[in-house]
């Protein structure tokens, strides 16, 4: 039988888990037609997102619309087909894994994984955005190393107080190096997906 103290600790843990971690793993519902998140907060958030929005299209129609703007994965940066798309990747049934086609180098471009599911006469689209897996441990490892070095008592890198502040500044810089480009790309990709999947217009001749 659990003691009152243990029960209280359990309730506290469950409360914290519910309040703190649920927003990170639950999908953010996008109700309007525009995607205009709070810029500053988006730049500071970890590079992981999950969104959910609805479209009046049928699931089959939504899949066709997405297929028209997704070309096969490129090899060494060169197109693998004559198709000119906004994204590259694969669509299999009601699931997809894509990323935006860009003409510049960005190691922190979001990998977009999602699925379509029927909702009455319409469709619910769930989108998960994350970094490329090989980038995650390197980026996170550097942040942990710099943060630990700035606060550890026996750190050989830090030494005087000024050096510790410098390491903290470097930690913040490395963190923002990933989160800012990621947030910018999330906004571009989501605005494009919302415009296409809610309107069904695949005849656009401009890139966002």
C-alpha atoms as a PDB file:
ATOM      1  CA  UNK A   1       0.000   0.000   0.000  1.00  0.00           C
ATOM      2  CA  UNK A   2       1.440   3.353  -1.006  1.00  0.00           C
ATOM      3  CA  UNK A   3       2.106   5.951   1.680  1.00  0.00           C
ATOM      4  CA  UNK A   4       0.403   9.383   1.539  1.00  0.00           C
ATOM      5  CA  UNK A   5       3.717  10.964   0.593  1.00  0.00           C
ATOM      6  CA  UNK A   6       4.207   8.608  -2.343  1.00  0.00           C
ATOM      7  CA  UNK A   7       0.620   9.150  -3.514  1.00  0.00           C
ATOM      8  CA  UNK A   8       1.115  12.915  -3.342  1.00  0.00           C
ATOM      9  CA  UNK A   9       4.354  12.666  -5.328  1.00  0.00           C
ATOM     10  CA  UNK A  10       2.614  10.508  -7.939  1.00  0.00           C
ATOM     11  CA  UNK A  11      -0.223  12.969  -8.310  1.00  0.00           C
ATOM     12  CA  UNK A  12       2.275  15.818  -8.616  1.00  0.00           C
ATOM     13  CA  UNK A  13       4.253  13.956 -11.275  1.00  0.00           C
ATOM     14  CA  UNK A  14       1.117  13.204 -13.266  1.00  0.00           C
ATOM     15  CA  UNK A  15      -0.015  16.825 -12.987  1.00  0.00           C
ATOM     16  CA  UNK A  16       3.345  18.096 -14.223  1.00  0.00           C
ATOM     17  CA  UNK A  17       3.368  15.561 -17.040  1.00  0.00           C
ATOM     18  CA  UNK A  18      -0.099  16.601 -18.139  1.00  0.00           C
ATOM     19  CA  UNK A  19       0.599  20.328 -18.051  1.00  0.00           C
ATOM     20  CA  UNK A  20       4.187  20.407 -19.312  1.00  0.00           C
ATOM     21  CA  UNK A  21       4.580  17.606 -21.838  1.00  0.00           C
ATOM     22  CA  UNK A  22       1.164  17.312 -23.467  1.00  0.00           C
ATOM     23  CA  UNK A  23       1.552  20.470 -25.603  1.00  0.00           C
ATOM     24  CA  UNK A  24       4.864  19.133 -26.946  1.00  0.00           C
ATOM     25  CA  UNK A  25       3.413  15.859 -28.225  1.00  0.00           C
ATOM     26  CA  UNK A  26      -0.150  16.834 -29.080  1.00  0.00           C
ATOM     27  CA  UNK A  27      -0.955  18.280 -32.483  1.00  0.00           C
ATOM     28  CA  UNK A  28      -1.545  22.020 -32.748  1.00  0.00           C
ATOM     29  CA  UNK A  29      -4.905  22.540 -34.412  1.00  0.00           C
ATOM     30  CA  UNK A  30      -4.875  25.051 -37.275  1.00  0.00           C
ATOM     31  CA  UNK A  31      -8.388  26.388 -37.659  1.00  0.00           C
ATOM     32  CA  UNK A  32      -7.935  29.439 -39.884  1.00  0.00           C
ATOM     33  CA  UNK A  33      -6.782  29.666 -43.465  1.00  0.00           C
ATOM     34  CA  UNK A  34      -3.556  31.502 -42.605  1.00  0.00           C
ATOM     35  CA  UNK A  35      -0.562  30.193 -40.722  1.00  0.00           C
ATOM     36  CA  UNK A  36       0.846  33.098 -38.732  1.00  0.00           C
ATOM     37  CA  UNK A  37       2.429  31.804 -35.506  1.00  0.00           C
ATOM     38  CA  UNK A  38       4.059  34.059 -32.941  1.00  0.00           C
ATOM     39  CA  UNK A  39       7.426  34.681 -34.539  1.00  0.00           C
ATOM     40  CA  UNK A  40       9.594  35.090 -31.418  1.00  0.00           C
ATOM     41  CA  UNK A  41       8.213  32.037 -29.628  1.00  0.00           C
ATOM     42  CA  UNK A  42       8.562  29.905 -32.765  1.00  0.00           C
ATOM     43  CA  UNK A  43      12.245  30.793 -33.072  1.00  0.00           C
ATOM     44  CA  UNK A  44      12.887  29.678 -29.481  1.00  0.00           C
ATOM     45  CA  UNK A  45      10.959  26.407 -29.592  1.00  0.00           C
ATOM     46  CA  UNK A  46      12.819  23.086 -30.078  1.00  0.00           C
ATOM     47  CA  UNK A  47      12.863  21.984 -33.741  1.00  0.00           C
ATOM     48  CA  UNK A  48       9.886  19.628 -33.577  1.00  0.00           C
ATOM     49  CA  UNK A  49       6.309  20.412 -34.603  1.00  0.00           C
ATOM     50  CA  UNK A  50       3.018  18.596 -34.936  1.00  0.00           C
ATOM     51  CA  UNK A  51       0.034  20.172 -36.659  1.00  0.00           C
ATOM     52  CA  UNK A  52      -3.461  19.121 -37.588  1.00  0.00           C
ATOM     53  CA  UNK A  53      -5.903  20.794 -39.947  1.00  0.00           C
ATOM     54  CA  UNK A  54      -9.017  19.897 -41.898  1.00  0.00           C
ATOM     55  CA  UNK A  55      -9.848  20.179 -45.577  1.00  0.00           C
ATOM     56  CA  UNK A  56     -13.205  19.805 -47.336  1.00  0.00           C
ATOM     57  CA  UNK A  57     -11.540  17.515 -49.904  1.00  0.00           C
ATOM     58  CA  UNK A  58     -12.084  13.784 -49.811  1.00  0.00           C
ATOM     59  CA  UNK A  59      -9.066  11.759 -48.717  1.00  0.00           C
ATOM     60  CA  UNK A  60      -8.475  10.509 -52.272  1.00  0.00           C
ATOM     61  CA  UNK A  61      -8.640  14.047 -53.659  1.00  0.00           C
ATOM     62  CA  UNK A  62      -6.240  15.377 -51.024  1.00  0.00           C
ATOM     63  CA  UNK A  63      -3.755  12.600 -51.845  1.00  0.00           C
ATOM     64  CA  UNK A  64      -3.946  13.454 -55.569  1.00  0.00           C
ATOM     65  CA  UNK A  65      -3.381  17.153 -54.900  1.00  0.00           C
ATOM     66  CA  UNK A  66      -0.292  16.394 -52.826  1.00  0.00           C
ATOM     67  CA  UNK A  67       1.028  13.949 -55.414  1.00  0.00           C
ATOM     68  CA  UNK A  68       0.936  16.692 -58.058  1.00  0.00           C
ATOM     69  CA  UNK A  69       3.386  18.876 -56.122  1.00  0.00           C
ATOM     70  CA  UNK A  70       5.732  16.127 -54.850  1.00  0.00           C
ATOM     71  CA  UNK A  71       8.488  14.806 -57.072  1.00  0.00           C
ATOM     72  CA  UNK A  72      10.611  11.692 -56.423  1.00  0.00           C
ATOM     73  CA  UNK A  73      13.554  12.111 -54.016  1.00  0.00           C
ATOM     74  CA  UNK A  74      16.499  13.839 -55.635  1.00  0.00           C
ATOM     75  CA  UNK A  75      19.931  12.242 -55.889  1.00  0.00           C
ATOM     76  CA  UNK A  76      22.904  14.468 -55.188  1.00  0.00           C
ATOM     77  CA  UNK A  77      20.658  17.499 -55.557  1.00  0.00           C
ATOM     78  CA  UNK A  78      19.607  16.686 -59.122  1.00  0.00           C
ATOM     79  CA  UNK A  79      15.955  16.018 -60.071  1.00  0.00           C
ATOM     80  CA  UNK A  80      15.145  12.373 -60.768  1.00  0.00           C
ATOM     81  CA  UNK A  81      12.244  13.237 -63.046  1.00  0.00           C
ATOM     82  CA  UNK A  82      10.995  16.040 -65.303  1.00  0.00           C
ATOM     83  CA  UNK A  83       8.262  16.792 -62.790  1.00  0.00           C
ATOM     84  CA  UNK A  84       8.602  20.200 -61.159  1.00  0.00           C
ATOM     85  CA  UNK A  85       7.283  20.013 -57.624  1.00  0.00           C
ATOM     86  CA  UNK A  86       7.312  22.079 -54.463  1.00  0.00           C
ATOM     87  CA  UNK A  87       8.363  19.085 -52.376  1.00  0.00           C
ATOM     88  CA  UNK A  88      10.318  15.887 -52.863  1.00  0.00           C
ATOM     89  CA  UNK A  89       9.662  12.566 -51.181  1.00  0.00           C
ATOM     90  CA  UNK A  90       7.196   9.714 -51.227  1.00  0.00           C
ATOM     91  CA  UNK A  91       3.461   9.245 -50.799  1.00  0.00           C
ATOM     92  CA  UNK A  92       2.192   5.763 -49.987  1.00  0.00           C
ATOM     93  CA  UNK A  93      -1.547   5.398 -49.612  1.00  0.00           C
ATOM     94  CA  UNK A  94      -2.698   7.903 -47.009  1.00  0.00           C
ATOM     95  CA  UNK A  95       0.808   8.537 -45.634  1.00  0.00           C
ATOM     96  CA  UNK A  96       3.588  10.771 -46.870  1.00  0.00           C
ATOM     97  CA  UNK A  97       7.182  11.718 -46.088  1.00  0.00           C
ATOM     98  CA  UNK A  98       8.434  14.811 -47.880  1.00  0.00           C
ATOM     99  CA  UNK A  99      10.645  17.873 -47.576  1.00  0.00           C
ATOM    100  CA  UNK A 100      10.579  21.201 -49.353  1.00  0.00           C
ATOM    101  CA  UNK A 101      12.777  21.654 -52.425  1.00  0.00           C
ATOM    102  CA  UNK A 102      15.177  24.538 -51.819  1.00  0.00           C
ATOM    103  CA  UNK A 103      17.969  26.114 -53.867  1.00  0.00           C
ATOM    104  CA  UNK A 104      20.276  26.789 -50.935  1.00  0.00           C
ATOM    105  CA  UNK A 105      22.011  24.783 -48.229  1.00  0.00           C
ATOM    106  CA  UNK A 106      20.038  24.194 -45.040  1.00  0.00           C
ATOM    107  CA  UNK A 107      20.889  21.233 -42.818  1.00  0.00           C
ATOM    108  CA  UNK A 108      17.936  22.087 -40.584  1.00  0.00           C
ATOM    109  CA  UNK A 109      15.158  21.852 -43.173  1.00  0.00           C
ATOM    110  CA  UNK A 110      12.144  20.008 -41.711  1.00  0.00           C
ATOM    111  CA  UNK A 111      11.373  16.453 -42.694  1.00  0.00           C
ATOM    112  CA  UNK A 112       7.583  16.387 -43.058  1.00  0.00           C
ATOM    113  CA  UNK A 113       5.781  13.163 -42.177  1.00  0.00           C
ATOM    114  CA  UNK A 114       2.017  12.997 -42.178  1.00  0.00           C
ATOM    115  CA  UNK A 115      -1.167  11.191 -42.973  1.00  0.00           C
ATOM    116  CA  UNK A 116      -4.715  11.758 -44.189  1.00  0.00           C
ATOM    117  CA  UNK A 117      -7.742  10.355 -42.438  1.00  0.00           C
ATOM    118  CA  UNK A 118     -11.372  10.635 -43.391  1.00  0.00           C
ATOM    119  CA  UNK A 119     -13.628  12.932 -41.359  1.00  0.00           C
ATOM    120  CA  UNK A 120     -17.179  12.809 -42.653  1.00  0.00           C
ATOM    121  CA  UNK A 121     -17.126  14.277 -46.162  1.00  0.00           C
ATOM    122  CA  UNK A 122     -13.761  15.921 -45.566  1.00  0.00           C
ATOM    123  CA  UNK A 123     -10.280  14.952 -44.435  1.00  0.00           C
ATOM    124  CA  UNK A 124      -8.082  15.554 -41.398  1.00  0.00           C
ATOM    125  CA  UNK A 125      -4.418  16.100 -42.211  1.00  0.00           C
ATOM    126  CA  UNK A 126      -1.832  15.417 -39.490  1.00  0.00           C
ATOM    127  CA  UNK A 127       1.688  16.726 -40.047  1.00  0.00           C
ATOM    128  CA  UNK A 128       4.847  15.973 -38.037  1.00  0.00           C
ATOM    129  CA  UNK A 129       7.953  18.064 -38.672  1.00  0.00           C
ATOM    130  CA  UNK A 130      11.401  17.175 -37.392  1.00  0.00           C
ATOM    131  CA  UNK A 131      15.094  17.502 -38.201  1.00  0.00           C
ATOM    132  CA  UNK A 132      16.997  14.949 -40.258  1.00  0.00           C
ATOM    133  CA  UNK A 133      17.889  12.198 -37.765  1.00  0.00           C
ATOM    134  CA  UNK A 134      21.728  12.341 -38.186  1.00  0.00           C
ATOM    135  CA  UNK A 135      21.658  16.066 -37.363  1.00  0.00           C
ATOM    136  CA  UNK A 136      19.781  15.640 -34.068  1.00  0.00           C
ATOM    137  CA  UNK A 137      22.430  13.796 -31.950  1.00  0.00           C
ATOM    138  CA  UNK A 138      25.250  16.033 -33.236  1.00  0.00           C
ATOM    139  CA  UNK A 139      23.357  19.258 -32.564  1.00  0.00           C
ATOM    140  CA  UNK A 140      22.041  18.108 -29.185  1.00  0.00           C
ATOM    141  CA  UNK A 141      25.428  16.674 -28.171  1.00  0.00           C
ATOM    142  CA  UNK A 142      27.213  19.980 -28.839  1.00  0.00           C
ATOM    143  CA  UNK A 143      24.603  21.875 -26.824  1.00  0.00           C
ATOM    144  CA  UNK A 144      24.911  19.484 -23.874  1.00  0.00           C
ATOM    145  CA  UNK A 145      28.711  19.608 -23.959  1.00  0.00           C
ATOM    146  CA  UNK A 146      28.853  23.412 -24.014  1.00  0.00           C
ATOM    147  CA  UNK A 147      26.160  23.770 -21.351  1.00  0.00           C
ATOM    148  CA  UNK A 148      27.885  21.279 -19.050  1.00  0.00           C
ATOM    149  CA  UNK A 149      31.267  22.945 -19.578  1.00  0.00           C
ATOM    150  CA  UNK A 150      29.833  26.329 -18.623  1.00  0.00           C
ATOM    151  CA  UNK A 151      28.424  25.175 -15.273  1.00  0.00           C
ATOM    152  CA  UNK A 152      30.675  22.288 -14.200  1.00  0.00           C
ATOM    153  CA  UNK A 153      32.939  23.198 -11.275  1.00  0.00           C
ATOM    154  CA  UNK A 154      35.920  21.229 -12.640  1.00  0.00           C
ATOM    155  CA  UNK A 155      35.475  22.309 -16.267  1.00  0.00           C
ATOM    156  CA  UNK A 156      38.804  22.940 -18.006  1.00  0.00           C
ATOM    157  CA  UNK A 157      37.145  24.879 -20.827  1.00  0.00           C
ATOM    158  CA  UNK A 158      35.395  27.426 -18.639  1.00  0.00           C
ATOM    159  CA  UNK A 159      37.747  28.592 -15.917  1.00  0.00           C
ATOM    160  CA  UNK A 160      36.994  32.228 -15.036  1.00  0.00           C
ATOM    161  CA  UNK A 161      33.481  33.637 -14.882  1.00  0.00           C
ATOM    162  CA  UNK A 162      33.853  35.477 -18.206  1.00  0.00           C
ATOM    163  CA  UNK A 163      34.728  32.243 -20.013  1.00  0.00           C
ATOM    164  CA  UNK A 164      31.656  30.545 -18.549  1.00  0.00           C
ATOM    165  CA  UNK A 165      29.416  33.351 -19.806  1.00  0.00           C
ATOM    166  CA  UNK A 166      31.029  32.997 -23.230  1.00  0.00           C
ATOM    167  CA  UNK A 167      30.281  29.255 -23.250  1.00  0.00           C
ATOM    168  CA  UNK A 168      26.665  29.949 -22.304  1.00  0.00           C
ATOM    169  CA  UNK A 169      26.472  32.413 -25.179  1.00  0.00           C
ATOM    170  CA  UNK A 170      27.912  29.798 -27.539  1.00  0.00           C
ATOM    171  CA  UNK A 171      25.353  27.283 -26.263  1.00  0.00           C
ATOM    172  CA  UNK A 172      22.511  29.679 -27.039  1.00  0.00           C
ATOM    173  CA  UNK A 173      23.996  30.436 -30.456  1.00  0.00           C
ATOM    174  CA  UNK A 174      24.263  26.740 -31.421  1.00  0.00           C
ATOM    175  CA  UNK A 175      20.692  26.224 -30.214  1.00  0.00           C
ATOM    176  CA  UNK A 176      19.373  29.109 -32.334  1.00  0.00           C
ATOM    177  CA  UNK A 177      21.402  27.996 -35.368  1.00  0.00           C
ATOM    178  CA  UNK A 178      18.928  25.110 -35.646  1.00  0.00           C
ATOM    179  CA  UNK A 179      15.699  26.555 -34.266  1.00  0.00           C
ATOM    180  CA  UNK A 180      15.586  29.758 -36.345  1.00  0.00           C
ATOM    181  CA  UNK A 181      16.083  28.199 -39.827  1.00  0.00           C
ATOM    182  CA  UNK A 182      13.757  25.369 -38.814  1.00  0.00           C
ATOM    183  CA  UNK A 183      10.998  27.785 -37.749  1.00  0.00           C
ATOM    184  CA  UNK A 184      11.327  29.762 -40.986  1.00  0.00           C
ATOM    185  CA  UNK A 185      11.052  26.616 -43.101  1.00  0.00           C
ATOM    186  CA  UNK A 186       8.097  25.345 -41.043  1.00  0.00           C
ATOM    187  CA  UNK A 187       6.191  28.536 -41.788  1.00  0.00           C
ATOM    188  CA  UNK A 188       6.927  28.393 -45.542  1.00  0.00           C
ATOM    189  CA  UNK A 189       6.026  24.704 -45.843  1.00  0.00           C
ATOM    190  CA  UNK A 190       2.847  24.949 -43.777  1.00  0.00           C
ATOM    191  CA  UNK A 191       1.542  27.993 -45.641  1.00  0.00           C
ATOM    192  CA  UNK A 192       2.057  26.135 -48.909  1.00  0.00           C
ATOM    193  CA  UNK A 193       0.399  22.938 -47.670  1.00  0.00           C
ATOM    194  CA  UNK A 194      -2.569  24.844 -46.262  1.00  0.00           C
ATOM    195  CA  UNK A 195      -3.049  26.843 -49.451  1.00  0.00           C
ATOM    196  CA  UNK A 196      -2.933  23.774 -51.675  1.00  0.00           C
ATOM    197  CA  UNK A 197      -4.830  21.262 -49.571  1.00  0.00           C
ATOM    198  CA  UNK A 198      -7.585  23.668 -48.598  1.00  0.00           C
ATOM    199  CA  UNK A 199      -8.109  25.135 -52.047  1.00  0.00           C
ATOM    200  CA  UNK A 200      -7.152  22.205 -54.265  1.00  0.00           C
ATOM    201  CA  UNK A 201      -5.452  24.615 -56.673  1.00  0.00           C
ATOM    202  CA  UNK A 202      -2.363  22.866 -58.068  1.00  0.00           C
ATOM    203  CA  UNK A 203      -1.919  25.291 -60.937  1.00  0.00           C
ATOM    204  CA  UNK A 204       0.137  27.777 -58.973  1.00  0.00           C
ATOM    205  CA  UNK A 205       3.155  29.152 -60.873  1.00  0.00           C
ATOM    206  CA  UNK A 206       4.963  30.746 -58.011  1.00  0.00           C
ATOM    207  CA  UNK A 207       7.001  29.424 -55.128  1.00  0.00           C
ATOM    208  CA  UNK A 208       6.539  30.676 -51.617  1.00  0.00           C
END
